[in-house]
Structure formats: structure tokens, C-alpha cells
Amino acid sequence: MEHTTLPLTHIPNVRADAAVEPGRLGHSTVLASPGVRVVVLTFEAGFTLKKHSAPKILLMQALDGSLRVTAGGQVTDLVPGALLRLDAGLEHEVEALEESRLMLTLIG
């Protein structure tokens, strides 16, 4: 995990420590800096992260695979190249439609 207060941080591969592990949600923090934290979650196909919320603004990006995010009464299929932003405290659920890695950026 990279903890930094430097003016520039380069992480060459956010997926490096994010292997999918059968039967469990993988979690690796790739960057922690004042005001922002970046986490990569790994999901096996069919895994559902039940309804929960985050205390900060949340940006979600699929690094690979396909995920279905239910939040605020809306269902969004998240695939690589897409970006989803959630307000702080918004309850959401994430389902892996296939083996997937999800990058979360928590801001605030």
C-alpha cells in the first residue's frame, strides 16, 4: 500500500496485489493520501457485496469484468471504461456478473 503526502505518486499497476480469491471479497488499498484513498476490490463471479454505504464520495470503476451496482433506486451495469459516482452515505449493493476487479476512489 502506498501512503503518501508527496506532490506526485505513480502506481504502475493497481491490479498487482488484487488477485481474485474464491469464496471471499478481496480488498487491497493501493493509495492512501490526505483527502483520497484508492482501493481495489476483487469478486468471483456471482459474489454480492450486500447493501452498505461509505462515509465519503465514492467513484467506482471496473478494471475488468462486469458488475451490477444498485444505488438510489437505480441499477447500473459497470464495465471497464465506465465511471459511477455515489454521494457520501448513499446505500448501494454490488454484484459481480463475472470475475471482476473494482477500483474505488474515496474522496473527502
N, C-alpha and C. Protein backbone atom coordinates (compact mmCIF):
# COMPACT_ATOMS: atom_id res chain seq x y z
N MET A 1 0.85 -1.18 0.00
CA MET A 1 0.00 0.00 0.00
C MET A 1 0.89 1.24 0.00
N GLU A 2 0.49 2.20 -0.76
CA GLU A 2 1.24 3.45 -0.88
C GLU A 2 0.57 4.52 -0.02
N HIS A 3 1.29 4.98 1.02
CA HIS A 3 0.84 6.13 1.82
C HIS A 3 1.70 7.29 1.39
N THR A 4 1.09 8.39 1.01
CA THR A 4 1.93 9.46 0.51
C THR A 4 1.38 10.84 0.80
N THR A 5 2.29 11.76 0.99
CA THR A 5 1.97 13.17 1.02
C THR A 5 2.87 13.90 0.02
N LEU A 6 3.52 13.13 -0.85
CA LEU A 6 4.39 13.70 -1.86
C LEU A 6 3.56 14.40 -2.94
N PRO A 7 4.17 15.35 -3.67
CA PRO A 7 3.41 16.07 -4.70
C PRO A 7 3.03 15.20 -5.90
N LEU A 8 3.69 14.05 -6.08
CA LEU A 8 3.38 13.17 -7.19
C LEU A 8 3.54 11.72 -6.75
N THR A 9 2.57 10.90 -7.07
CA THR A 9 2.63 9.47 -6.77
C THR A 9 2.29 8.71 -8.03
N HIS A 10 3.13 7.74 -8.38
CA HIS A 10 2.88 6.90 -9.54
C HIS A 10 2.75 5.45 -9.08
N ILE A 11 1.64 4.82 -9.41
CA ILE A 11 1.43 3.41 -9.11
C ILE A 11 1.33 2.71 -10.46
N PRO A 12 2.35 1.95 -10.83
CA PRO A 12 2.39 1.39 -12.18
C PRO A 12 1.30 0.36 -12.49
N ASN A 13 0.79 -0.33 -11.47
CA ASN A 13 -0.24 -1.34 -11.73
C ASN A 13 -1.11 -1.52 -10.49
N VAL A 14 -2.29 -0.93 -10.49
CA VAL A 14 -3.19 -1.03 -9.33
C VAL A 14 -3.72 -2.45 -9.14
N ARG A 15 -3.57 -3.29 -10.16
CA ARG A 15 -4.05 -4.67 -10.08
C ARG A 15 -3.02 -5.64 -9.51
N ALA A 16 -1.80 -5.18 -9.30
CA ALA A 16 -0.68 -6.07 -8.94
C ALA A 16 -0.98 -6.95 -7.72
N ASP A 17 -1.59 -6.40 -6.69
CA ASP A 17 -1.87 -7.16 -5.46
C ASP A 17 -3.35 -7.49 -5.33
N ALA A 18 -4.06 -7.58 -6.46
CA ALA A 18 -5.51 -7.75 -6.42
C ALA A 18 -5.93 -9.02 -7.16
N ALA A 19 -5.54 -10.15 -6.61
CA ALA A 19 -5.94 -11.43 -7.20
C ALA A 19 -7.33 -11.82 -6.69
N VAL A 20 -8.12 -12.43 -7.56
CA VAL A 20 -9.44 -12.92 -7.16
C VAL A 20 -9.26 -14.19 -6.34
N GLU A 21 -9.88 -14.23 -5.16
CA GLU A 21 -9.79 -15.39 -4.27
C GLU A 21 -11.18 -16.00 -4.14
N PRO A 22 -11.33 -17.27 -4.54
CA PRO A 22 -12.64 -17.92 -4.47
C PRO A 22 -13.24 -17.85 -3.06
N GLY A 23 -14.54 -17.53 -3.00
CA GLY A 23 -15.27 -17.55 -1.74
C GLY A 23 -15.14 -16.32 -0.88
N ARG A 24 -14.37 -15.34 -1.33
CA ARG A 24 -14.24 -14.15 -0.49
C ARG A 24 -14.04 -12.90 -1.32
N LEU A 25 -14.37 -11.77 -0.72
CA LEU A 25 -14.15 -10.46 -1.32
C LEU A 25 -12.70 -10.09 -1.06
N GLY A 26 -11.95 -9.83 -2.11
CA GLY A 26 -10.57 -9.36 -1.94
C GLY A 26 -10.55 -7.85 -1.77
N HIS A 27 -9.58 -7.35 -1.02
CA HIS A 27 -9.51 -5.93 -0.70
C HIS A 27 -8.05 -5.53 -0.61
N SER A 28 -7.64 -4.55 -1.41
CA SER A 28 -6.29 -4.04 -1.27
C SER A 28 -6.28 -2.53 -1.47
N THR A 29 -5.73 -1.82 -0.48
CA THR A 29 -5.62 -0.37 -0.57
C THR A 29 -4.35 -0.07 -1.36
N VAL A 30 -4.49 0.63 -2.47
CA VAL A 30 -3.33 0.92 -3.31
C VAL A 30 -2.78 2.32 -3.10
N LEU A 31 -3.60 3.22 -2.51
CA LEU A 31 -3.13 4.57 -2.24
C LEU A 31 -3.92 5.16 -1.09
N ALA A 32 -3.20 5.74 -0.14
CA ALA A 32 -3.82 6.50 0.95
C ALA A 32 -3.08 7.82 1.04
N SER A 33 -3.80 8.90 0.87
CA SER A 33 -3.22 10.22 0.85
C SER A 33 -4.24 11.17 1.47
N PRO A 34 -3.82 12.32 1.98
CA PRO A 34 -4.80 13.23 2.57
C PRO A 34 -5.95 13.53 1.60
N GLY A 35 -7.17 13.22 2.03
CA GLY A 35 -8.35 13.52 1.24
C GLY A 35 -8.75 12.49 0.20
N VAL A 36 -7.94 11.45 0.00
CA VAL A 36 -8.28 10.44 -1.00
C VAL A 36 -7.69 9.08 -0.62
N ARG A 37 -8.47 8.04 -0.91
CA ARG A 37 -8.00 6.68 -0.72
C ARG A 37 -8.47 5.87 -1.92
N VAL A 38 -7.58 5.04 -2.47
CA VAL A 38 -7.93 4.20 -3.61
C VAL A 38 -7.80 2.74 -3.18
N VAL A 39 -8.88 1.98 -3.42
CA VAL A 39 -8.97 0.59 -3.01
C VAL A 39 -9.37 -0.24 -4.23
N VAL A 40 -8.80 -1.43 -4.37
CA VAL A 40 -9.24 -2.37 -5.40
C VAL A 40 -9.91 -3.55 -4.71
N LEU A 41 -11.16 -3.82 -5.10
CA LEU A 41 -11.90 -4.98 -4.59
C LEU A 41 -11.94 -6.03 -5.69
N THR A 42 -11.81 -7.30 -5.30
CA THR A 42 -11.89 -8.40 -6.26
C THR A 42 -13.07 -9.29 -5.91
N PHE A 43 -13.78 -9.72 -6.96
CA PHE A 43 -15.00 -10.51 -6.81
C PHE A 43 -14.93 -11.74 -7.70
N GLU A 44 -15.32 -12.90 -7.16
CA GLU A 44 -15.53 -14.03 -8.06
C GLU A 44 -16.92 -13.86 -8.66
N ALA A 45 -17.16 -14.50 -9.80
CA ALA A 45 -18.46 -14.41 -10.46
C ALA A 45 -19.56 -14.82 -9.49
N GLY A 46 -20.63 -14.03 -9.44
CA GLY A 46 -21.78 -14.34 -8.60
C GLY A 46 -21.71 -13.79 -7.19
N PHE A 47 -20.55 -13.27 -6.77
CA PHE A 47 -20.43 -12.71 -5.42
C PHE A 47 -21.21 -11.40 -5.33
N THR A 48 -21.94 -11.21 -4.23
CA THR A 48 -22.67 -9.97 -4.00
C THR A 48 -22.20 -9.33 -2.71
N LEU A 49 -21.81 -8.08 -2.81
CA LEU A 49 -21.49 -7.27 -1.64
C LEU A 49 -22.80 -6.60 -1.23
N LYS A 50 -23.37 -7.07 -0.13
CA LYS A 50 -24.70 -6.64 0.30
C LYS A 50 -24.74 -5.14 0.60
N LYS A 51 -25.95 -4.64 0.70
CA LYS A 51 -26.20 -3.21 0.88
C LYS A 51 -25.36 -2.63 2.02
N HIS A 52 -24.68 -1.54 1.72
CA HIS A 52 -23.84 -0.84 2.68
C HIS A 52 -23.67 0.59 2.18
N SER A 53 -22.93 1.41 2.91
CA SER A 53 -22.66 2.78 2.47
C SER A 53 -21.23 3.15 2.85
N ALA A 54 -20.73 4.19 2.22
CA ALA A 54 -19.38 4.71 2.51
C ALA A 54 -19.54 6.13 3.05
N PRO A 55 -18.68 6.53 3.98
CA PRO A 55 -18.81 7.85 4.58
C PRO A 55 -18.29 8.99 3.70
N LYS A 56 -17.75 8.66 2.53
CA LYS A 56 -17.18 9.67 1.65
C LYS A 56 -17.75 9.55 0.25
N ILE A 57 -17.53 10.56 -0.59
CA ILE A 57 -17.89 10.46 -2.00
C ILE A 57 -17.11 9.29 -2.58
N LEU A 58 -17.78 8.52 -3.42
CA LEU A 58 -17.19 7.28 -3.93
C LEU A 58 -17.23 7.28 -5.46
N LEU A 59 -16.09 7.04 -6.07
CA LEU A 59 -16.01 6.83 -7.51
C LEU A 59 -15.74 5.35 -7.73
N MET A 60 -16.51 4.73 -8.63
CA MET A 60 -16.38 3.30 -8.91
C MET A 60 -16.01 3.11 -10.37
N GLN A 61 -14.97 2.29 -10.62
CA GLN A 61 -14.54 1.97 -11.98
C GLN A 61 -14.21 0.48 -12.04
N ALA A 62 -14.80 -0.22 -12.99
CA ALA A 62 -14.45 -1.62 -13.20
C ALA A 62 -13.11 -1.67 -13.91
N LEU A 63 -12.15 -2.41 -13.34
CA LEU A 63 -10.87 -2.60 -14.00
C LEU A 63 -10.97 -3.72 -15.03
N ASP A 64 -11.77 -4.73 -14.68
CA ASP A 64 -12.09 -5.81 -15.61
C ASP A 64 -13.36 -6.48 -15.13
N GLY A 65 -13.94 -7.31 -15.99
CA GLY A 65 -15.18 -7.99 -15.63
C GLY A 65 -16.39 -7.12 -15.84
N SER A 66 -17.46 -7.46 -15.12
CA SER A 66 -18.74 -6.75 -15.22
C SER A 66 -19.44 -6.82 -13.87
N LEU A 67 -19.89 -5.67 -13.40
CA LEU A 67 -20.52 -5.57 -12.09
C LEU A 67 -21.86 -4.86 -12.22
N ARG A 68 -22.80 -5.23 -11.38
CA ARG A 68 -24.11 -4.56 -11.33
C ARG A 68 -24.19 -3.83 -9.99
N VAL A 69 -24.37 -2.52 -10.06
CA VAL A 69 -24.44 -1.68 -8.87
C VAL A 69 -25.87 -1.19 -8.73
N THR A 70 -26.46 -1.42 -7.56
CA THR A 70 -27.80 -0.92 -7.25
C THR A 70 -27.64 0.16 -6.19
N ALA A 71 -28.07 1.38 -6.52
CA ALA A 71 -27.93 2.51 -5.59
C ALA A 71 -28.98 3.56 -5.93
N GLY A 72 -29.56 4.15 -4.91
CA GLY A 72 -30.50 5.25 -5.13
C GLY A 72 -31.67 4.87 -6.02
N GLY A 73 -32.12 3.61 -5.94
CA GLY A 73 -33.23 3.16 -6.75
C GLY A 73 -32.89 2.95 -8.21
N GLN A 74 -31.62 2.93 -8.53
CA GLN A 74 -31.16 2.78 -9.91
C GLN A 74 -30.20 1.60 -10.02
N VAL A 75 -30.28 0.86 -11.12
CA VAL A 75 -29.37 -0.26 -11.38
C VAL A 75 -28.45 0.14 -12.53
N THR A 76 -27.15 0.01 -12.30
CA THR A 76 -26.15 0.37 -13.31
C THR A 76 -25.22 -0.80 -13.52
N ASP A 77 -25.04 -1.21 -14.79
CA ASP A 77 -24.04 -2.22 -15.11
C ASP A 77 -22.72 -1.50 -15.35
N LEU A 78 -21.72 -1.87 -14.59
CA LEU A 78 -20.42 -1.20 -14.62
C LEU A 78 -19.42 -2.10 -15.33
N VAL A 79 -18.86 -1.61 -16.43
CA VAL A 79 -17.87 -2.35 -17.22
C VAL A 79 -16.64 -1.46 -17.37
N PRO A 80 -15.49 -2.03 -17.77
CA PRO A 80 -14.30 -1.21 -17.95
C PRO A 80 -14.56 -0.02 -18.88
N GLY A 81 -14.08 1.13 -18.46
CA GLY A 81 -14.27 2.35 -19.22
C GLY A 81 -15.38 3.23 -18.67
N ALA A 82 -16.25 2.66 -17.84
CA ALA A 82 -17.35 3.43 -17.25
C ALA A 82 -16.94 3.96 -15.87
N LEU A 83 -17.61 5.00 -15.44
CA LEU A 83 -17.36 5.62 -14.14
C LEU A 83 -18.70 5.89 -13.47
N LEU A 84 -18.79 5.56 -12.18
CA LEU A 84 -20.01 5.80 -11.40
C LEU A 84 -19.61 6.56 -10.14
N ARG A 85 -20.34 7.65 -9.84
CA ARG A 85 -20.09 8.44 -8.63
C ARG A 85 -21.28 8.31 -7.71
N LEU A 86 -21.00 8.07 -6.43
CA LEU A 86 -22.05 7.99 -5.41
C LEU A 86 -21.80 9.05 -4.35
N ASP A 87 -22.87 9.69 -3.90
CA ASP A 87 -22.76 10.62 -2.78
C ASP A 87 -22.34 9.88 -1.52
N ALA A 88 -21.70 10.58 -0.62
CA ALA A 88 -21.35 10.01 0.68
C ALA A 88 -22.63 9.53 1.37
N GLY A 89 -22.57 8.36 1.96
CA GLY A 89 -23.71 7.83 2.71
C GLY A 89 -24.78 7.15 1.88
N LEU A 90 -24.67 7.14 0.54
CA LEU A 90 -25.68 6.51 -0.29
C LEU A 90 -25.54 4.99 -0.22
N GLU A 91 -26.60 4.31 0.21
CA GLU A 91 -26.56 2.85 0.30
C GLU A 91 -26.48 2.25 -1.09
N HIS A 92 -25.67 1.21 -1.22
CA HIS A 92 -25.51 0.55 -2.50
C HIS A 92 -25.14 -0.93 -2.31
N GLU A 93 -25.37 -1.69 -3.36
CA GLU A 93 -25.05 -3.12 -3.39
C GLU A 93 -24.30 -3.38 -4.69
N VAL A 94 -23.31 -4.29 -4.65
CA VAL A 94 -22.52 -4.59 -5.84
C VAL A 94 -22.55 -6.09 -6.08
N GLU A 95 -22.93 -6.49 -7.30
CA GLU A 95 -22.97 -7.90 -7.68
C GLU A 95 -22.02 -8.12 -8.85
N ALA A 96 -21.16 -9.13 -8.75
CA ALA A 96 -20.24 -9.46 -9.84
C ALA A 96 -20.95 -10.38 -10.83
N LEU A 97 -21.14 -9.89 -12.04
CA LEU A 97 -21.78 -10.69 -13.08
C LEU A 97 -20.79 -11.70 -13.66
N GLU A 98 -19.51 -11.40 -13.50
CA GLU A 98 -18.42 -12.30 -13.86
C GLU A 98 -17.25 -11.95 -12.96
N GLU A 99 -16.17 -12.74 -13.01
CA GLU A 99 -14.99 -12.42 -12.20
C GLU A 99 -14.58 -10.99 -12.52
N SER A 100 -14.40 -10.17 -11.47
CA SER A 100 -14.21 -8.73 -11.69
C SER A 100 -13.28 -8.12 -10.66
N ARG A 101 -12.69 -7.00 -11.05
CA ARG A 101 -11.95 -6.15 -10.13
C ARG A 101 -12.51 -4.74 -10.24
N LEU A 102 -12.77 -4.14 -9.09
CA LEU A 102 -13.41 -2.84 -8.99
C LEU A 102 -12.48 -1.87 -8.26
N MET A 103 -12.19 -0.73 -8.90
CA MET A 103 -11.39 0.29 -8.25
C MET A 103 -12.32 1.33 -7.64
N LEU A 104 -12.14 1.56 -6.35
CA LEU A 104 -12.91 2.56 -5.61
C LEU A 104 -12.00 3.72 -5.24
N THR A 105 -12.45 4.92 -5.48
CA THR A 105 -11.73 6.11 -5.04
C THR A 105 -12.64 6.83 -4.05
N LEU A 106 -12.18 6.93 -2.80
CA LEU A 106 -12.95 7.61 -1.75
C LEU A 106 -12.36 9.01 -1.58
N ILE A 107 -13.22 10.01 -1.70
CA ILE A 107 -12.77 11.41 -1.70
C ILE A 107 -13.40 12.15 -0.53
N GLY A 108 -12.59 12.89 0.17
CA GLY A 108 -13.13 13.73 1.24
C GLY A 108 -12.49 13.48 2.57
